[in-house]
Amino acid sequence: MNDLAWIETAITAARPQAIGALLRYFRDLDAAEEAFQEACLRALRNWPRNGPPRDPAAWLILVGRNAGVDAVRKSSRQTELPDEAQLSDLEDAEAGVAERLDAADYRDDILRLLFVCCHPDLPATQQIALALRIVSGLSVRQIARAFLVGESAMEQRITRAKGRIAKADVPFEAPGPVERAERVGAVAAMIYLVFNEGYSAGPAAQDDRAGLAAEAIRLSRLLLRLYPAEPEIMGLTALLLLQHARAAARYDDQGEGVLLEDQDRNLWNRPMIAEGLALIDKAMRHRRPGPYQIQAAIAALHARAATPADTDWPHIAALYGALERMQPSPVITLNRAVAVSKVQGAEAALSLVEPLEGRLSAYFHFHGLRGHLLTQLGRTEDARAAFGQAIALANTPAEAAHIRARLDALARPEV
């Protein structure tokens, strides 16, 4: 086997398992990462010549562990390094290790790794950066470009995160049931934040940040393998798939955003939608609803509509109501108002929107929706003022251009 692309794929897939096991062994993130990097270098030398190992993760763990031990011995000058040939000839040793590293071991190691990255002492930005570096293996340069910060600043962010974890004396034994239940929500939230960083990137930043959405989906699938019967993890994965399936239709050729109702649905990724729909249907059968499941169910109703006119707005409004009761938030109320406007009209929707002004006065979408509803009610001057505030708060040129188009429409006599 000398297909380097296959080797890269195998190493990427094995990374969470290998890093997790090495972290348990060395109890230090830097040591585990350095041991894994050395194992990858030896894989690139040996696999093309000797063929792929039966279990790439087991091979990388064994070689990484030996390399890490050698590094400690070398730095302490206790013994000489063993001969390279002794480390490279792993055929018999690998078989034994592969049999001992069963699925349960992998589960605990990966959970530990994800839980360490989502340590409660870390701010969300550091959790994301650390997870992308340690679990996903993205370079500091890639992460810095994705978050639109300098490489040195991102390096400092990751270093601070590792320092906090070291000072917190994080336990390295297999996480127990209570800890898993408490922390899996943090892991899921971290994955969702990673996805949103990529999903919210405008077209100008797609090359740098769009890959984060795909990486979040990979991490969510990994978490789903660890929790195959957890409906909220099914819901999270379904939500990411259903949202990402619309990526090709979200911007036009000029880079301006395209509203959901105006998107070319032929550009939606149908296999991805089918996977997301199957997952949310399976999750709902457990009858243990949660926020991710409800959001995925809303996305599923949009995905199932062949045309905008086919959208089941009453059902969407009801789902937003359930989500609002579960997680009270002015942004969720704002989203419910959109659905209510489709079902009960602009007046009913505006009655939901107006009380939110104190909490959402600095939120672009609040003023944009309010202006739209006021336009429908014929309150042109109030709508003009709302649109003006929205333009001032626009996060991207595309958002500002969209609102300007609505202002231009207000100036036409037929409006």
Protein backbone atom coordinates (compact mmCIF):
# COMPACT_ATOMS: atom_id res chain seq x y z
CA MET A 1 0.00 0.00 0.00
CA ASN A 2 1.64 3.22 -1.10
CA ASP A 3 -1.42 5.42 -1.45
CA LEU A 4 -0.50 8.47 0.64
CA ALA A 5 -4.08 9.77 0.48
CA TRP A 6 -5.27 6.58 2.18
CA ILE A 7 -2.58 6.94 4.84
CA GLU A 8 -3.66 10.50 5.57
CA THR A 9 -7.30 9.39 5.85
CA ALA A 10 -6.38 6.51 8.17
CA ILE A 11 -4.28 8.76 10.42
CA THR A 12 -7.04 11.39 10.61
CA ALA A 13 -9.65 8.76 11.53
CA ALA A 14 -7.38 7.20 14.15
CA ARG A 15 -6.31 10.48 15.73
CA PRO A 16 -8.97 10.80 18.49
CA GLN A 17 -8.44 7.19 19.58
CA ALA A 18 -4.65 7.42 19.51
CA ILE A 19 -4.37 10.83 21.18
CA GLY A 20 -6.88 9.77 23.84
CA ALA A 21 -4.90 6.63 24.69
CA LEU A 22 -1.58 8.50 24.71
CA LEU A 23 -3.09 11.18 26.94
CA ARG A 24 -4.11 8.49 29.42
CA TYR A 25 -0.60 7.05 29.31
CA PHE A 26 1.44 10.28 29.54
CA ARG A 27 -1.11 12.45 31.43
CA ASP A 28 0.07 15.50 29.50
CA LEU A 29 -1.47 17.00 26.35
CA ASP A 30 1.82 18.19 24.87
CA ALA A 31 3.52 14.85 25.46
CA ALA A 32 0.58 12.95 23.94
CA GLU A 33 0.51 15.23 20.89
CA GLU A 34 4.28 15.00 20.33
CA ALA A 35 4.19 11.20 20.67
CA PHE A 36 1.38 11.00 18.13
CA GLN A 37 3.25 13.24 15.67
CA GLU A 38 6.31 11.00 15.92
CA ALA A 39 4.12 7.94 15.32
CA CYS A 40 2.66 9.61 12.22
CA LEU A 41 6.14 10.29 10.84
CA ARG A 42 7.08 6.64 11.31
CA ALA A 43 3.80 5.57 9.68
CA LEU A 44 4.66 7.65 6.62
CA ARG A 45 8.02 5.88 6.46
CA ASN A 46 6.85 2.33 7.17
CA TRP A 47 3.33 1.91 5.81
CA PRO A 48 4.17 2.52 2.12
CA ARG A 49 6.93 -0.06 2.38
CA ASN A 50 5.37 -2.68 4.67
CA GLY A 51 1.70 -2.20 3.90
CA PRO A 52 -1.07 -0.88 6.17
CA PRO A 53 -1.41 -2.31 9.67
CA ARG A 54 -4.51 -4.24 10.55
CA ASP A 55 -5.46 -1.65 13.15
CA PRO A 56 -3.93 1.79 12.39
CA ALA A 57 -5.01 3.20 15.76
CA ALA A 58 -3.35 0.37 17.70
CA TRP A 59 -0.17 0.78 15.62
CA LEU A 60 -0.05 4.53 16.23
CA ILE A 61 -0.70 4.09 19.97
CA LEU A 62 2.06 1.53 20.36
CA VAL A 63 4.61 3.45 18.32
CA GLY A 64 3.62 6.74 19.91
CA ARG A 65 3.92 5.29 23.38
CA ASN A 66 7.39 3.90 22.64
CA ALA A 67 8.48 7.18 21.05
CA GLY A 68 7.21 9.16 24.03
CA VAL A 69 9.01 6.90 26.50
CA ASP A 70 12.20 7.23 24.44
CA ALA A 71 11.88 11.01 24.50
CA VAL A 72 11.59 10.99 28.30
CA ARG A 73 14.57 8.67 28.60
CA LYS A 74 16.63 10.77 26.24
CA SER A 75 15.85 14.01 28.07
CA SER A 76 16.70 12.44 31.43
CA ARG A 77 19.82 10.71 30.02
CA GLN A 78 18.89 7.47 31.77
CA THR A 79 19.36 5.09 28.86
CA GLU A 80 20.28 5.08 25.23
CA LEU A 81 17.59 5.14 22.58
CA PRO A 82 16.69 1.64 21.30
CA ASP A 83 17.63 0.74 17.76
CA GLU A 84 15.23 2.10 15.11
CA ALA A 85 14.73 -1.37 13.69
CA GLN A 86 13.48 -2.56 17.07
CA LEU A 87 10.69 0.01 17.00
CA SER A 88 9.86 -0.37 13.33
CA ASP A 89 9.29 -4.13 13.39
CA LEU A 90 5.87 -4.13 14.98
CA GLU A 91 4.06 -6.98 13.26
CA ASP A 92 3.85 -9.31 16.28
CA ALA A 93 3.51 -6.58 18.89
CA GLU A 94 0.71 -4.87 17.00
CA ALA A 95 -1.45 -7.98 16.96
CA GLY A 96 -1.41 -8.25 20.73
CA VAL A 97 -2.11 -4.58 21.26
CA ALA A 98 -4.95 -4.59 18.74
CA GLU A 99 -6.68 -7.38 20.63
CA ARG A 100 -6.39 -5.52 23.94
CA LEU A 101 -7.63 -2.20 22.54
CA ASP A 102 -11.27 -3.09 22.13
CA ALA A 103 -14.18 -0.75 21.46
CA ALA A 104 -14.70 -0.06 25.17
CA ASP A 105 -11.12 1.18 25.56
CA TYR A 106 -11.54 3.46 22.56
CA ARG A 107 -14.81 4.77 23.93
CA ASP A 108 -13.29 5.76 27.26
CA ASP A 109 -10.19 7.29 25.68
CA ILE A 110 -12.14 9.41 23.21
CA LEU A 111 -14.61 10.50 25.86
CA ARG A 112 -11.74 11.51 28.12
CA LEU A 113 -10.14 13.50 25.32
CA LEU A 114 -13.37 15.32 24.49
CA PHE A 115 -14.09 15.99 28.16
CA VAL A 116 -10.60 17.40 28.69
CA CYS A 117 -11.08 19.81 25.76
CA CYS A 118 -14.44 20.85 27.23
CA HIS A 119 -13.15 21.40 30.75
CA PRO A 120 -15.47 23.84 32.58
CA ASP A 121 -12.53 26.08 33.54
CA LEU A 122 -11.99 26.95 29.87
CA PRO A 123 -13.88 29.70 28.01
CA ALA A 124 -15.82 28.49 24.97
CA THR A 125 -13.28 30.01 22.56
CA GLN A 126 -10.46 28.06 24.18
CA GLN A 127 -12.52 24.86 24.22
CA ILE A 128 -13.10 25.14 20.48
CA ALA A 129 -9.49 26.00 19.68
CA LEU A 130 -8.16 23.15 21.81
CA ALA A 131 -10.58 20.61 20.34
CA LEU A 132 -9.71 21.60 16.78
CA ARG A 133 -6.01 21.33 17.59
CA ILE A 134 -5.97 18.18 19.72
CA VAL A 135 -8.97 16.15 18.52
CA SER A 136 -9.22 17.26 14.89
CA GLY A 137 -5.54 17.86 14.29
CA LEU A 138 -5.93 21.20 12.51
CA SER A 139 -2.77 23.31 12.47
CA VAL A 140 -2.52 26.50 14.50
CA ARG A 141 -2.38 28.41 11.20
CA GLN A 142 -5.64 26.81 10.00
CA ILE A 143 -7.44 27.55 13.27
CA ALA A 144 -6.16 31.12 13.36
CA ARG A 145 -7.34 31.78 9.82
CA ALA A 146 -10.74 30.28 10.60
CA PHE A 147 -11.20 32.58 13.60
CA LEU A 148 -9.72 35.60 11.82
CA VAL A 149 -6.96 36.12 14.38
CA GLY A 150 -3.18 36.08 14.15
CA GLU A 151 -1.28 32.83 14.35
CA SER A 152 0.65 33.93 17.45
CA ALA A 153 -2.59 34.96 19.19
CA MET A 154 -4.13 31.56 18.49
CA GLU A 155 -0.98 29.80 19.67
CA GLN A 156 -1.25 31.73 22.94
CA ARG A 157 -4.93 30.82 23.25
CA ILE A 158 -4.18 27.12 22.89
CA THR A 159 -1.19 27.33 25.24
CA ARG A 160 -3.31 29.04 27.89
CA ALA A 161 -5.95 26.33 27.55
CA LYS A 162 -3.36 23.60 28.07
CA GLY A 163 -1.96 25.49 31.05
CA ARG A 164 -5.37 25.77 32.68
CA ILE A 165 -5.98 22.05 32.24
CA ALA A 166 -2.59 21.23 33.75
CA LYS A 167 -3.29 23.44 36.77
CA ALA A 168 -6.78 21.98 37.20
CA ASP A 169 -5.30 18.53 37.85
CA VAL A 170 -7.77 16.84 35.48
CA PRO A 171 -8.31 13.16 36.37
CA PHE A 172 -7.26 10.73 33.66
CA GLU A 173 -9.21 7.66 34.68
CA ALA A 174 -12.17 6.55 32.56
CA PRO A 175 -15.04 9.02 33.08
CA GLY A 176 -17.82 7.58 35.19
CA PRO A 177 -21.54 7.64 34.35
CA VAL A 178 -22.24 10.81 36.35
CA GLU A 179 -19.40 12.74 34.75
CA ARG A 180 -20.43 11.54 31.30
CA ALA A 181 -23.99 12.70 31.84
CA GLU A 182 -22.85 16.08 33.15
CA ARG A 183 -20.22 16.77 30.52
CA VAL A 184 -21.65 15.29 27.31
CA GLY A 185 -23.84 18.37 27.02
CA ALA A 186 -20.71 20.55 27.08
CA VAL A 187 -19.12 18.39 24.40
CA ALA A 188 -22.22 18.67 22.21
CA ALA A 189 -22.34 22.43 22.74
CA MET A 190 -18.65 22.73 21.77
CA ILE A 191 -19.32 20.81 18.55
CA TYR A 192 -22.29 23.04 17.76
CA LEU A 193 -20.16 26.15 18.32
CA VAL A 194 -17.53 24.79 15.93
CA PHE A 195 -20.26 24.22 13.34
CA ASN A 196 -21.67 27.73 13.74
CA GLU A 197 -18.22 29.24 13.24
CA GLY A 198 -18.12 27.60 9.83
CA TYR A 199 -21.80 27.95 8.94
CA SER A 200 -21.92 31.66 9.72
CA ALA A 201 -18.88 32.45 7.58
CA GLY A 202 -19.70 34.70 4.65
CA PRO A 203 -18.60 33.77 1.13
CA ALA A 204 -15.36 35.75 1.46
CA ALA A 205 -14.32 33.56 4.39
CA GLN A 206 -15.51 30.23 3.04
CA ASP A 207 -12.05 28.93 2.18
CA ASP A 208 -10.87 29.49 5.75
CA ARG A 209 -13.95 28.69 7.82
CA ALA A 210 -16.36 26.51 5.85
CA GLY A 211 -14.23 23.47 6.68
CA LEU A 212 -15.17 23.95 10.33
CA ALA A 213 -18.77 22.97 9.55
CA ALA A 214 -17.64 19.71 7.96
CA GLU A 215 -15.26 19.06 10.87
CA ALA A 216 -18.08 19.62 13.36
CA ILE A 217 -20.18 17.05 11.52
CA ARG A 218 -17.28 14.58 11.74
CA LEU A 219 -16.97 15.20 15.49
CA SER A 220 -20.74 14.86 15.95
CA ARG A 221 -20.72 11.52 14.14
CA LEU A 222 -17.86 10.45 16.39
CA LEU A 223 -19.88 11.42 19.47
CA LEU A 224 -22.88 9.55 18.08
CA ARG A 225 -20.76 6.39 17.80
CA LEU A 226 -19.96 6.79 21.49
CA TYR A 227 -23.63 7.44 22.40
CA PRO A 228 -25.57 5.48 19.74
CA ALA A 229 -28.79 5.41 21.79
CA GLU A 230 -28.78 9.05 22.94
CA PRO A 231 -31.54 10.92 21.09
CA GLU A 232 -30.06 14.38 21.71
CA ILE A 233 -26.80 13.37 20.00
CA MET A 234 -28.87 11.99 17.11
CA GLY A 235 -30.67 15.33 17.05
CA LEU A 236 -27.43 17.31 17.06
CA THR A 237 -26.00 15.29 14.17
CA ALA A 238 -29.26 15.57 12.22
CA LEU A 239 -29.37 19.32 12.80
CA LEU A 240 -25.84 19.85 11.49
CA LEU A 241 -26.47 17.67 8.44
CA LEU A 242 -29.77 19.35 7.54
CA GLN A 243 -28.31 22.84 7.89
CA HIS A 244 -25.09 22.07 6.02
CA ALA A 245 -27.05 20.42 3.21
CA ARG A 246 -28.15 23.91 2.09
CA ALA A 247 -24.60 25.30 1.86
CA ALA A 248 -24.44 25.45 -1.95
CA ALA A 249 -27.64 27.51 -2.16
CA ARG A 250 -27.02 30.03 0.64
CA TYR A 251 -25.14 32.62 -1.47
CA ASP A 252 -25.59 33.82 -5.04
CA ASP A 253 -22.88 34.39 -7.65
CA GLN A 254 -22.24 37.89 -6.29
CA GLY A 255 -21.70 36.53 -2.78
CA GLU A 256 -24.95 37.92 -1.38
CA GLY A 257 -26.99 35.85 1.02
CA VAL A 258 -30.08 34.07 -0.30
CA LEU A 259 -33.04 33.69 2.04
CA LEU A 260 -34.26 30.16 2.66
CA GLU A 261 -37.51 30.75 0.77
CA ASP A 262 -35.57 32.04 -2.27
CA GLN A 263 -32.95 29.29 -2.42
CA ASP A 264 -32.67 26.94 -5.38
CA ARG A 265 -33.65 23.68 -3.71
CA ASN A 266 -32.09 21.69 -6.53
CA LEU A 267 -28.73 22.73 -5.06
CA TRP A 268 -29.49 21.18 -1.68
CA ASN A 269 -27.49 18.05 -0.86
CA ARG A 270 -30.15 15.35 -0.96
CA PRO A 271 -28.07 12.43 0.42
CA MET A 272 -27.09 14.60 3.40
CA ILE A 273 -30.74 15.55 3.91
CA ALA A 274 -31.78 11.90 3.77
CA GLU A 275 -29.24 11.02 6.45
CA GLY A 276 -30.41 13.89 8.65
CA LEU A 277 -34.09 12.99 8.23
CA ALA A 278 -33.44 9.37 9.14
CA LEU A 279 -31.57 10.42 12.26
CA ILE A 280 -34.20 12.84 13.54
CA ASP A 281 -36.97 10.33 12.87
CA LYS A 282 -35.04 7.76 14.90
CA ALA A 283 -34.40 10.25 17.70
CA MET A 284 -38.06 11.23 17.97
CA ARG A 285 -39.08 7.60 18.42
CA HIS A 286 -37.26 7.63 21.80
CA ARG A 287 -39.84 10.17 23.07
CA ARG A 288 -37.20 12.08 25.05
CA PRO A 289 -37.25 15.46 23.29
CA GLY A 290 -34.45 17.98 23.74
CA PRO A 291 -33.33 21.28 22.20
CA TYR A 292 -31.20 19.74 19.44
CA GLN A 293 -33.99 17.38 18.44
CA ILE A 294 -36.50 20.21 18.23
CA GLN A 295 -34.16 22.36 16.14
CA ALA A 296 -33.48 19.39 13.88
CA ALA A 297 -37.22 18.74 13.54
CA ILE A 298 -37.70 22.35 12.42
CA ALA A 299 -34.88 21.98 9.88
CA ALA A 300 -36.45 18.71 8.73
CA LEU A 301 -39.78 20.41 7.99
CA HIS A 302 -37.97 22.94 5.79
CA ALA A 303 -36.02 20.13 4.08
CA ARG A 304 -39.17 18.12 3.36
CA ALA A 305 -40.95 21.06 1.68
CA ALA A 306 -40.62 20.75 -2.10
CA THR A 307 -41.40 24.47 -2.45
CA PRO A 308 -41.61 27.36 0.04
CA ALA A 309 -45.42 27.22 -0.23
CA ASP A 310 -45.33 23.60 0.99
CA THR A 311 -43.65 24.53 4.29
CA ASP A 312 -45.61 23.38 7.33
CA TRP A 313 -45.52 26.71 9.20
CA PRO A 314 -48.11 25.78 11.88
CA HIS A 315 -45.98 22.80 12.89
CA ILE A 316 -42.82 24.95 12.86
CA ALA A 317 -44.50 27.58 15.06
CA ALA A 318 -45.52 24.86 17.52
CA LEU A 319 -41.99 23.47 17.62
CA TYR A 320 -40.53 26.92 18.29
CA GLY A 321 -43.04 27.26 21.11
CA ALA A 322 -41.80 23.99 22.61
CA LEU A 323 -38.19 25.10 22.20
CA GLU A 324 -39.00 28.43 23.84
CA ARG A 325 -40.47 26.67 26.87
CA MET A 326 -37.46 24.39 27.08
CA GLN A 327 -34.82 27.10 26.56
CA PRO A 328 -36.34 30.56 27.07
CA SER A 329 -34.46 33.01 24.86
CA PRO A 330 -35.36 36.25 23.06
CA VAL A 331 -33.71 34.92 19.89
CA ILE A 332 -35.92 31.82 19.96
CA THR A 333 -38.96 34.05 20.45
CA LEU A 334 -37.82 36.08 17.46
CA ASN A 335 -37.63 32.93 15.36
CA ARG A 336 -41.07 31.86 16.56
CA ALA A 337 -42.38 35.26 15.46
CA VAL A 338 -41.30 34.50 11.89
CA ALA A 339 -43.36 31.31 11.91
CA VAL A 340 -46.29 33.07 13.58
CA SER A 341 -46.26 35.74 10.86
CA LYS A 342 -46.77 32.99 8.27
CA VAL A 343 -49.68 31.48 10.20
CA GLN A 344 -51.43 34.35 11.99
CA GLY A 345 -50.14 37.41 10.14
CA ALA A 346 -47.81 40.35 10.75
CA GLU A 347 -49.83 41.90 13.60
CA ALA A 348 -49.62 38.77 15.75
CA ALA A 349 -45.92 38.41 15.00
CA LEU A 350 -45.19 42.04 15.82
CA SER A 351 -46.85 41.62 19.22
CA LEU A 352 -44.18 38.99 19.96
CA VAL A 353 -41.33 41.07 18.55
CA GLU A 354 -41.95 44.48 20.13
CA PRO A 355 -41.38 43.38 23.77
CA LEU A 356 -37.92 42.06 22.80
CA GLU A 357 -36.49 45.47 21.91
CA GLY A 358 -34.80 46.02 25.26
CA ARG A 359 -32.87 42.75 25.02
CA LEU A 360 -32.26 42.68 21.26
CA SER A 361 -31.68 46.35 20.50
CA ALA A 362 -28.14 45.54 19.29
CA TYR A 363 -29.20 42.49 17.25
CA PHE A 364 -29.28 42.86 13.46
CA HIS A 365 -32.03 40.30 12.85
CA PHE A 366 -34.39 41.92 15.37
CA HIS A 367 -34.50 45.19 13.45
CA GLY A 368 -34.60 43.42 10.09
CA LEU A 369 -37.63 41.31 11.06
CA ARG A 370 -39.35 44.25 12.73
CA GLY A 371 -38.90 46.34 9.58
CA HIS A 372 -40.31 43.53 7.46
CA LEU A 373 -43.40 43.17 9.66
CA LEU A 374 -43.95 46.92 9.76
CA THR A 375 -43.76 47.00 5.97
CA GLN A 376 -46.48 44.39 5.75
CA LEU A 377 -48.64 46.47 8.04
CA GLY A 378 -48.16 49.59 5.90
CA ARG A 379 -46.19 51.47 8.56
CA THR A 380 -43.60 52.68 6.07
CA GLU A 381 -41.81 55.32 8.15
CA ASP A 382 -41.44 53.01 11.12
CA ALA A 383 -40.19 50.30 8.77
CA ARG A 384 -37.66 52.69 7.25
CA ALA A 385 -36.29 53.51 10.73
CA ALA A 386 -36.06 49.82 11.65
CA PHE A 387 -34.21 48.99 8.43
CA GLY A 388 -31.81 51.87 9.08
CA GLN A 389 -30.94 50.41 12.48
CA ALA A 390 -30.48 46.97 10.91
CA ILE A 391 -28.00 48.33 8.36
CA ALA A 392 -26.01 49.97 11.15
CA LEU A 393 -25.77 46.61 12.93
CA ALA A 394 -25.08 44.44 9.85
CA ASN A 395 -22.31 41.91 10.42
CA THR A 396 -21.44 41.48 6.74
CA PRO A 397 -21.79 43.51 3.53
CA ALA A 398 -24.24 40.88 2.30
CA GLU A 399 -26.56 41.53 5.27
CA ALA A 400 -26.40 45.27 4.71
CA ALA A 401 -27.10 44.86 0.98
CA HIS A 402 -30.15 42.73 1.69
CA ILE A 403 -31.66 45.40 3.96
CA ARG A 404 -30.81 48.17 1.50
CA ALA A 405 -32.81 46.31 -1.12
CA ARG A 406 -35.81 46.38 1.21
CA LEU A 407 -35.33 50.10 1.78
CA ASP A 408 -35.22 50.65 -1.97
CA ALA A 409 -38.47 48.72 -2.27
CA LEU A 410 -40.10 51.04 0.27
CA ALA A 411 -39.30 53.98 -1.99
CA ARG A 412 -41.24 52.50 -4.89
CA PRO A 413 -44.87 53.68 -5.20
CA GLU A 414 -46.33 50.20 -5.44
CA VAL A 415 -45.09 49.30 -1.96
